[in-house]
Amino acid sequence: MDEISERSFPFGQTLGPINGTVKCRDKLFAMPYTSDGVMLYYRKDLLEKANIEPPKTWDEMREVRDKILPKQKGMSCYGGQFEK
């Protein structure tokens, strides 16, 4: 494969983690043409009521879910990814 010149791609306009996926041994071999961001939505009021900080890892999120969810009648936890 031929290396691509980094001058030919505007890395300053893309997300840093995405830029790292197109390099091998610090050489550019592909150009990301699309990317998508993921967000975590949570109920701030429920975390405050339980005196819990927002989770920063998947393991912390599961722990928070297990502490809060059983106390909420008629509530569930779900996840998903949606296309634009």
Protein backbone atom coordinates (compact mmCIF):
# COMPACT_ATOMS: atom_id res chain seq x y z
CA MET A 1 0.00 0.00 0.00
CA ASP A 2 1.14 3.51 -0.65
CA GLU A 3 1.41 6.04 2.14
CA ILE A 4 -0.87 9.09 1.85
CA SER A 5 0.55 12.54 2.50
CA GLU A 6 -0.88 14.04 5.70
CA ARG A 7 -0.91 17.45 3.96
CA SER A 8 -3.73 16.15 1.74
CA PHE A 9 -6.12 15.64 4.64
CA PRO A 10 -7.46 18.25 7.14
CA PHE A 11 -6.77 16.40 10.40
CA GLY A 12 -7.58 19.53 12.39
CA GLN A 13 -11.21 19.21 11.33
CA THR A 14 -11.78 15.63 12.53
CA LEU A 15 -11.96 13.96 15.93
CA GLY A 16 -8.60 12.92 17.37
CA PRO A 17 -9.54 9.29 18.10
CA ILE A 18 -10.73 8.88 14.51
CA ASN A 19 -7.41 10.18 13.19
CA GLY A 20 -5.56 7.45 15.07
CA THR A 21 -7.51 4.69 13.37
CA VAL A 22 -6.19 5.47 9.89
CA LYS A 23 -2.48 5.27 10.73
CA CYS A 24 -0.09 2.38 11.06
CA ARG A 25 3.35 2.96 12.56
CA ASP A 26 2.74 6.72 12.34
CA LYS A 27 2.08 6.57 8.60
CA LEU A 28 -1.23 7.51 7.03
CA PHE A 29 -2.83 4.74 4.94
CA ALA A 30 -6.48 5.77 4.84
CA MET A 31 -8.68 8.81 5.23
CA PRO A 32 -11.82 8.73 7.37
CA TYR A 33 -14.71 9.99 5.29
CA THR A 34 -17.32 9.70 8.03
CA SER A 35 -17.55 9.29 11.77
CA ASP A 36 -20.21 9.32 14.42
CA GLY A 37 -20.22 10.37 18.04
CA VAL A 38 -21.92 8.56 20.88
CA MET A 39 -23.46 10.23 23.91
CA LEU A 40 -24.58 9.08 27.30
CA TYR A 41 -27.83 10.51 28.58
CA TYR A 42 -28.58 10.16 32.26
CA ARG A 43 -31.02 11.51 34.85
CA LYS A 44 -29.02 14.05 36.83
CA ASP A 45 -31.81 14.35 39.40
CA LEU A 46 -31.67 10.61 40.19
CA LEU A 47 -27.89 10.65 40.58
CA GLU A 48 -28.06 13.69 42.87
CA LYS A 49 -30.82 12.11 44.95
CA ALA A 50 -28.66 8.99 45.41
CA ASN A 51 -25.53 11.14 46.01
CA ILE A 52 -23.73 9.42 43.11
CA GLU A 53 -21.30 11.02 40.65
CA PRO A 54 -21.96 10.48 36.91
CA PRO A 55 -20.24 7.30 35.66
CA LYS A 56 -17.05 7.54 33.65
CA THR A 57 -16.63 3.88 32.64
CA TRP A 58 -18.94 1.06 31.54
CA ASP A 59 -18.34 -0.74 34.84
CA GLU A 60 -19.30 2.39 36.80
CA MET A 61 -22.41 2.77 34.66
CA ARG A 62 -23.50 -0.79 35.49
CA GLU A 63 -22.90 -0.14 39.20
CA VAL A 64 -24.93 3.07 39.11
CA ARG A 65 -27.72 1.31 37.20
CA ASP A 66 -27.84 -1.48 39.78
CA LYS A 67 -28.07 1.03 42.64
CA ILE A 68 -30.71 3.32 41.15
CA LEU A 69 -32.92 1.25 38.85
CA PRO A 70 -34.43 -1.14 41.42
CA LYS A 71 -35.74 1.88 43.39
CA GLN A 72 -37.58 3.37 40.39
CA LYS A 73 -41.03 1.96 39.72
CA GLY A 74 -41.87 1.54 36.04
CA MET A 75 -38.42 2.58 34.82
CA SER A 76 -35.99 0.65 32.66
CA CYS A 77 -32.52 1.08 31.26
CA TYR A 78 -31.76 0.77 27.57
CA GLY A 79 -29.09 1.61 25.04
CA GLY A 80 -28.89 1.95 21.34
CA GLN A 81 -27.19 3.62 18.46
CA PHE A 82 -29.10 5.61 15.94
CA GLU A 83 -28.23 6.69 12.41
CA LYS A 84 -28.69 10.29 11.40
